[in-house]
Protein backbone atom coordinates (compact mmCIF):
# COMPACT_ATOMS: atom_id res chain seq x y z
CA MET A 1 -73.27 -16.68 94.93
CA LEU A 2 -72.03 -15.56 91.52
CA ASP A 3 -73.15 -12.06 90.53
CA ILE A 4 -74.73 -12.68 87.11
CA ARG A 5 -74.50 -9.03 86.09
CA ARG A 6 -70.79 -8.90 86.88
CA PHE A 7 -70.26 -12.16 84.99
CA PHE A 8 -71.82 -10.84 81.80
CA LYS A 9 -70.12 -7.48 82.20
CA ASN A 10 -66.76 -9.26 82.28
CA LEU A 11 -67.65 -11.09 79.07
CA THR A 12 -68.32 -7.79 77.27
CA PRO A 13 -65.16 -6.37 75.67
CA SER A 14 -64.23 -3.00 77.14
CA LYS A 15 -64.23 -0.05 74.79
CA LYS A 16 -60.77 0.83 73.57
CA THR A 17 -60.13 4.51 73.27
CA LYS A 18 -58.91 5.59 69.85
CA PHE A 19 -56.74 8.67 69.65
CA ILE A 20 -56.98 11.03 66.68
CA LEU A 21 -54.34 13.60 65.76
CA SER A 22 -55.60 16.58 63.75
CA PHE A 23 -53.30 19.13 62.10
CA ASP A 24 -54.40 22.60 60.98
CA GLY A 25 -53.05 24.20 57.83
CA GLY A 26 -50.95 27.33 57.96
CA GLY A 27 -47.93 27.08 55.69
CA VAL A 28 -44.59 27.25 57.46
CA ARG A 29 -46.36 27.82 60.77
CA ALA A 30 -47.25 24.09 60.71
CA ILE A 31 -43.67 23.55 61.87
CA ALA A 32 -44.76 24.67 65.37
CA ALA A 33 -46.89 21.53 65.67
CA ILE A 34 -43.83 19.37 64.96
CA VAL A 35 -41.76 21.26 67.53
CA PHE A 36 -44.51 20.64 70.08
CA LEU A 37 -44.94 16.96 69.20
CA LYS A 38 -41.19 16.40 69.32
CA GLN A 39 -41.34 17.31 73.00
CA LEU A 40 -44.16 14.80 73.43
CA GLU A 41 -41.99 12.10 71.84
CA ILE A 42 -39.14 12.97 74.19
CA ALA A 43 -41.38 13.01 77.27
CA SER A 44 -43.24 9.78 76.46
CA GLY A 45 -40.40 7.81 74.89
CA LYS A 46 -42.80 6.93 72.04
CA LYS A 47 -43.09 7.97 68.42
CA ILE A 48 -46.20 9.97 67.52
CA PHE A 49 -47.05 7.15 65.09
CA ASP A 50 -47.38 4.75 68.04
CA ILE A 51 -49.49 7.06 70.20
CA PHE A 52 -52.31 7.79 67.72
CA ASP A 53 -54.66 5.57 65.71
CA PHE A 54 -55.74 7.98 62.96
CA PHE A 55 -54.21 11.08 61.43
CA ILE A 56 -55.94 13.91 59.59
CA GLY A 57 -54.71 17.24 58.31
CA THR A 58 -55.27 20.18 56.03
CA SER A 59 -52.66 21.83 53.80
CA ALA A 60 -49.19 21.75 55.40
CA GLY A 61 -50.86 19.94 58.30
CA GLY A 62 -51.98 17.30 55.81
CA ILE A 63 -48.36 16.80 54.75
CA ASN A 64 -47.46 16.26 58.42
CA ALA A 65 -50.24 13.68 58.77
CA LEU A 66 -49.10 11.81 55.63
CA HIS A 67 -45.49 11.68 56.80
CA ILE A 68 -46.42 10.13 60.11
CA ALA A 69 -49.03 7.66 58.84
CA ALA A 70 -47.21 6.54 55.69
CA LEU A 71 -43.55 6.79 56.64
CA GLU A 72 -43.80 6.38 60.44
CA ALA A 73 -41.75 9.58 60.54
CA SER A 74 -40.61 10.77 63.92
CA CYS A 75 -40.76 14.47 64.69
CA PHE A 76 -36.97 14.58 64.43
CA GLU A 77 -37.35 13.39 60.84
CA LEU A 78 -40.20 15.82 60.17
CA GLU A 79 -38.06 18.70 61.39
CA ASN A 80 -35.56 17.71 58.72
CA PHE A 81 -38.30 17.67 56.10
CA TRP A 82 -39.24 21.24 57.06
CA SER A 83 -35.62 22.45 56.99
CA LYS A 84 -34.92 25.84 55.48
CA GLU A 85 -33.18 24.13 52.56
CA ASN A 86 -36.26 22.05 51.77
CA LEU A 87 -38.59 25.01 52.24
CA SER A 88 -36.62 26.93 49.64
CA LYS A 89 -37.18 24.05 47.21
CA THR A 90 -40.96 24.28 47.65
CA MET A 91 -41.02 28.00 46.85
CA THR A 92 -39.37 28.16 43.46
CA LYS A 93 -39.93 30.58 40.59
CA SER A 94 -42.13 33.40 41.77
CA PHE A 95 -44.53 35.07 39.35
CA TRP A 96 -45.50 37.69 41.92
CA ASP A 97 -45.37 41.32 40.86
CA ASN A 98 -44.02 42.94 44.02
CA ALA A 99 -44.45 46.44 42.69
CA SER A 100 -48.16 46.38 42.02
CA PHE A 101 -49.57 43.37 43.90
CA LEU A 102 -51.07 42.27 40.58
CA GLN A 103 -50.84 38.53 40.25
CA THR A 104 -51.84 36.75 37.08
CA LYS A 105 -50.26 33.40 37.97
CA PRO A 106 -49.63 31.41 41.18
CA LYS A 107 -46.86 32.83 43.32
CA TYR A 108 -44.88 29.57 43.11
CA ASP A 109 -44.74 27.13 40.24
CA GLY A 110 -44.99 24.05 42.50
CA ARG A 111 -42.36 21.97 40.68
CA GLY A 112 -39.91 22.12 43.56
CA LYS A 113 -42.59 21.13 46.05
CA ARG A 114 -43.63 18.12 43.98
CA GLU A 115 -40.01 17.01 43.52
CA LEU A 116 -39.45 17.21 47.27
CA LEU A 117 -42.59 15.19 47.98
CA LEU A 118 -41.48 12.57 45.44
CA GLU A 119 -38.12 12.35 47.17
CA TYR A 120 -39.85 11.32 50.40
CA PHE A 121 -42.99 9.43 49.34
CA LYS A 122 -41.73 7.92 46.09
CA ASP A 123 -44.55 6.08 44.29
CA GLN A 124 -46.55 5.19 47.40
CA SER A 125 -50.35 5.20 47.28
CA LEU A 126 -52.59 6.27 50.15
CA GLY A 127 -53.64 2.64 50.63
CA GLU A 128 -50.05 1.80 51.57
CA ALA A 129 -50.15 4.02 54.66
CA LYS A 130 -49.42 2.05 57.82
CA LYS A 131 -52.27 3.66 59.75
CA PRO A 132 -55.50 5.36 58.62
CA VAL A 133 -54.88 8.86 57.32
CA ALA A 134 -56.95 11.52 55.57
CA VAL A 135 -56.24 14.95 54.10
CA LEU A 136 -58.75 17.55 53.05
CA ALA A 137 -58.91 19.29 49.67
CA TYR A 138 -61.53 21.11 47.63
CA ASP A 139 -62.77 20.03 44.19
CA VAL A 140 -63.07 23.21 42.11
CA GLU A 141 -65.08 21.58 39.30
CA LYS A 142 -67.62 19.84 41.55
CA ARG A 143 -67.57 22.76 44.00
CA LYS A 144 -67.38 20.60 47.09
CA PRO A 145 -64.84 19.36 49.67
CA ARG A 146 -62.91 16.20 48.87
CA LEU A 147 -61.45 13.92 51.52
CA LEU A 148 -58.48 11.93 50.27
CA SER A 149 -57.89 8.97 52.56
CA SER A 150 -56.13 5.64 52.85
CA TYR A 151 -59.47 3.83 53.17
CA LYS A 152 -61.74 5.69 50.70
CA SER A 153 -59.25 6.53 47.97
CA PRO A 154 -56.42 4.01 48.43
CA GLY A 155 -55.27 4.23 44.80
CA ILE A 156 -54.45 7.96 44.90
CA LYS A 157 -50.71 8.61 45.07
CA ILE A 158 -49.55 10.21 48.30
CA VAL A 159 -47.64 12.84 46.33
CA SER A 160 -50.90 13.81 44.57
CA ALA A 161 -52.78 13.99 47.88
CA ALA A 162 -50.04 16.06 49.53
CA SER A 163 -49.82 18.41 46.54
CA ALA A 164 -53.59 18.91 46.45
CA THR A 165 -54.23 19.49 50.14
CA SER A 166 -51.46 22.13 50.19
CA ALA A 167 -52.39 23.89 46.93
CA ALA A 168 -53.25 27.18 48.61
CA PRO A 169 -54.85 29.60 46.12
CA ILE A 170 -52.57 32.51 45.21
CA TYR A 171 -49.51 30.51 46.28
CA TYR A 172 -49.85 27.30 44.22
CA SER A 173 -51.79 26.18 41.17
CA THR A 174 -54.85 23.93 41.20
CA GLN A 175 -53.70 20.30 41.23
CA GLU A 176 -54.94 17.53 38.96
CA ILE A 177 -54.78 14.24 40.86
CA ASP A 178 -54.69 10.64 39.61
CA ASP A 179 -58.44 10.31 39.00
CA GLY A 180 -58.64 13.53 36.94
CA SER A 181 -60.08 15.72 39.69
CA TRP A 182 -58.85 19.30 40.05
CA LEU A 183 -58.25 20.20 43.69
CA ILE A 184 -57.07 23.08 45.86
CA ASP A 185 -56.16 23.50 49.53
CA GLY A 186 -58.77 22.08 51.92
CA GLY A 187 -58.27 25.01 54.27
CA ILE A 188 -60.79 26.84 52.12
CA VAL A 189 -63.52 24.77 53.81
CA ALA A 190 -61.98 23.51 57.07
CA ASN A 191 -58.53 24.66 58.10
CA ASN A 192 -59.11 22.87 61.41
CA PRO A 193 -60.24 19.38 60.30
CA SER A 194 -60.79 17.95 63.79
CA LEU A 195 -64.59 17.71 63.42
CA LEU A 196 -64.14 15.77 60.21
CA GLY A 197 -61.56 13.59 61.91
CA TYR A 198 -63.97 12.83 64.72
CA SER A 199 -66.74 11.94 62.26
CA GLU A 200 -64.44 9.67 60.25
CA ALA A 201 -63.08 7.99 63.38
CA LYS A 202 -66.60 7.15 64.59
CA LYS A 203 -67.08 5.20 61.34
CA LEU A 204 -63.61 3.66 61.32
CA PHE A 205 -63.73 2.52 64.93
CA PRO A 206 -67.39 1.75 65.75
CA GLY A 207 -68.05 1.28 69.43
CA SER A 208 -64.79 2.87 70.51
CA ASP A 209 -64.38 6.01 72.54
CA ILE A 210 -62.81 8.75 70.40
CA LYS A 211 -60.42 11.41 71.69
CA VAL A 212 -59.08 14.13 69.41
CA LEU A 213 -55.92 16.16 69.88
CA SER A 214 -56.12 19.18 67.57
CA ILE A 215 -53.03 21.29 66.89
CA GLY A 216 -53.28 24.73 65.34
CA THR A 217 -50.79 27.01 63.61
CA GLY A 218 -51.32 30.18 65.61
CA ILE A 219 -54.13 32.74 65.64
CA ASN A 220 -53.64 36.08 63.92
CA ARG A 221 -54.86 38.74 66.34
CA ARG A 222 -53.84 41.69 64.18
CA LYS A 223 -56.70 44.17 64.10
CA ILE A 224 -58.20 45.30 60.81
CA ASN A 225 -59.55 48.84 60.81
CA GLY A 226 -63.24 48.42 60.02
CA ALA A 227 -63.78 51.90 58.60
CA ASN A 228 -60.77 51.56 56.30
CA SER A 229 -61.78 48.10 55.14
CA SER A 230 -65.19 49.39 54.04
CA LYS A 231 -63.43 51.12 51.14
CA TRP A 232 -61.26 48.17 50.04
CA GLY A 233 -61.47 46.37 46.73
CA ALA A 234 -59.80 43.11 45.69
CA LEU A 235 -56.21 44.36 45.78
CA ASN A 236 -56.45 45.87 49.26
CA TRP A 237 -58.09 42.73 50.63
CA LEU A 238 -55.23 40.70 49.17
CA ARG A 239 -52.76 42.99 50.88
CA HIS A 240 -54.58 42.61 54.19
CA ASP A 241 -54.65 38.81 54.36
CA ILE A 242 -58.08 37.89 52.98
CA LEU A 243 -56.83 34.30 52.62
CA GLY A 244 -55.86 34.21 56.29
CA ILE A 245 -59.33 35.47 57.25
CA MET A 246 -60.94 32.75 55.13
CA LEU A 247 -58.77 30.12 56.85
CA GLU A 248 -59.73 31.27 60.35
CA SER A 249 -60.71 28.16 62.32
CA SER A 250 -61.98 29.47 65.68
CA MET A 251 -65.61 28.58 64.91
CA PHE A 252 -64.66 24.95 64.17
CA ASP A 253 -62.81 24.86 67.48
CA GLU A 254 -65.84 26.11 69.40
CA ILE A 255 -68.16 23.57 67.74
CA ALA A 256 -65.68 20.76 68.41
CA ARG A 257 -65.54 21.70 72.09
CA ASP A 258 -69.34 21.70 72.30
CA LEU A 259 -69.72 18.34 70.55
CA MET A 260 -66.80 16.40 72.03
CA GLY A 261 -66.42 17.97 75.45
CA ASN A 262 -63.51 16.47 77.39
CA SER A 263 -62.73 14.15 74.46
CA TYR A 264 -61.29 17.12 72.56
CA LEU A 265 -58.13 19.04 73.36
CA ARG A 266 -56.87 22.01 71.35
CA VAL A 267 -53.28 23.27 71.26
CA ASN A 268 -52.99 26.79 69.84
CA SER A 269 -52.22 30.40 70.71
CA SER A 270 -51.82 33.83 69.24
CA THR A 271 -49.12 34.02 66.58
CA GLY A 272 -47.47 36.79 68.55
CA LEU A 273 -44.38 37.90 66.66
CA VAL A 274 -44.69 35.11 64.06
CA ASN A 275 -45.42 36.54 60.62
CA ARG A 276 -49.01 35.97 59.47
CA ARG A 277 -47.71 35.17 55.98
CA MET A 278 -47.65 31.46 55.29
CA ASP A 279 -44.42 31.58 53.30
CA ASP A 280 -42.06 33.64 55.43
CA THR A 281 -38.97 31.40 55.69
CA SER A 282 -36.63 34.05 57.07
CA ASP A 283 -34.34 32.88 59.87
CA ILE A 284 -36.03 35.13 62.41
CA ASN A 285 -39.53 33.94 61.52
CA LEU A 286 -38.54 30.26 61.62
CA GLU A 287 -36.98 30.85 65.03
CA ARG A 288 -40.19 32.51 66.23
CA ILE A 289 -42.23 29.55 64.95
CA HIS A 290 -39.92 27.22 66.87
CA LEU A 291 -40.36 29.29 70.02
CA MET A 292 -44.15 29.23 69.58
CA GLY A 293 -44.05 25.42 69.50
CA MET A 294 -41.90 25.34 72.65
CA ASP A 295 -44.25 27.80 74.37
CA TRP A 296 -47.12 25.44 73.54
CA TRP A 297 -45.29 22.61 75.26
CA SER A 298 -44.83 24.75 78.37
CA GLU A 299 -48.53 25.67 78.35
CA PHE A 300 -50.19 22.47 77.14
CA GLY A 301 -47.65 19.67 77.59
CA GLU A 302 -48.91 18.40 80.94
CA ASP A 303 -52.55 18.47 79.81
CA VAL A 304 -51.70 16.60 76.62
CA THR A 305 -49.74 13.82 78.32
CA GLU A 306 -52.64 13.33 80.74
CA PHE A 307 -55.19 13.44 77.89
CA LEU A 308 -53.28 10.74 75.99
CA ASN A 309 -52.30 8.67 79.02
CA VAL A 310 -48.64 8.63 78.01
């Protein structure tokens, strides 16, 4: 006799798991994520674009997300984007006063960065992305986070979105985007945007199981002397990485683990010998970033391939 329950169960479409890729911000250290994902492409024989259904990122991580979702860029191609030659273009014309640490203007003028982004993304709008993508910024006039996405703000130019999400205070100027909003780096509110990615994916893919792979940019373990810091003013805090402290994402990681359980996997580690500064493009630092990404593959590669079923 036919099992009625089994019959109706077979008529019900099975849930399709949707895979989300979340990129932290961290300046040049975001290259480590590309080094890691390049190994995943080699191991799986698939492009990252084909493995994931939705991409989200903050700051330099947002630029990674936009490249993959809009240009179907492989990690080989992204490594070329982050070449030392291109990095030098993004860091043109410093206004920094090295002698006194007084800074009255952004460290970099941003023109080179925008020209480089235009070279790659041309006149594309977010709505032209080939898969859903979102990058996080912060609206300084409205004093609230702003998510720029292919589905909520399709008319915004990708170059504007990339410039805004990576407009780290001190380093780059506030960016005016196509709708007249003035935005800065989203790392100010969520350097690890995986929770936001999970929330957005639940709305984009109702009824689907959601799994999030979150990739960091290294954790700065350098100790700050508490007694000394009690005497610091603005200049000393600037010298001792106040921006890096503000971008610390460990709390977001802990909450994500609690909420998503086994549907969340985090790839990250201590920065080790990698410079905490987000703009150190010296040969030795870039090599250390590359090694950090390779170390991640040794530590997390097997878990990630199992997590993604590739």
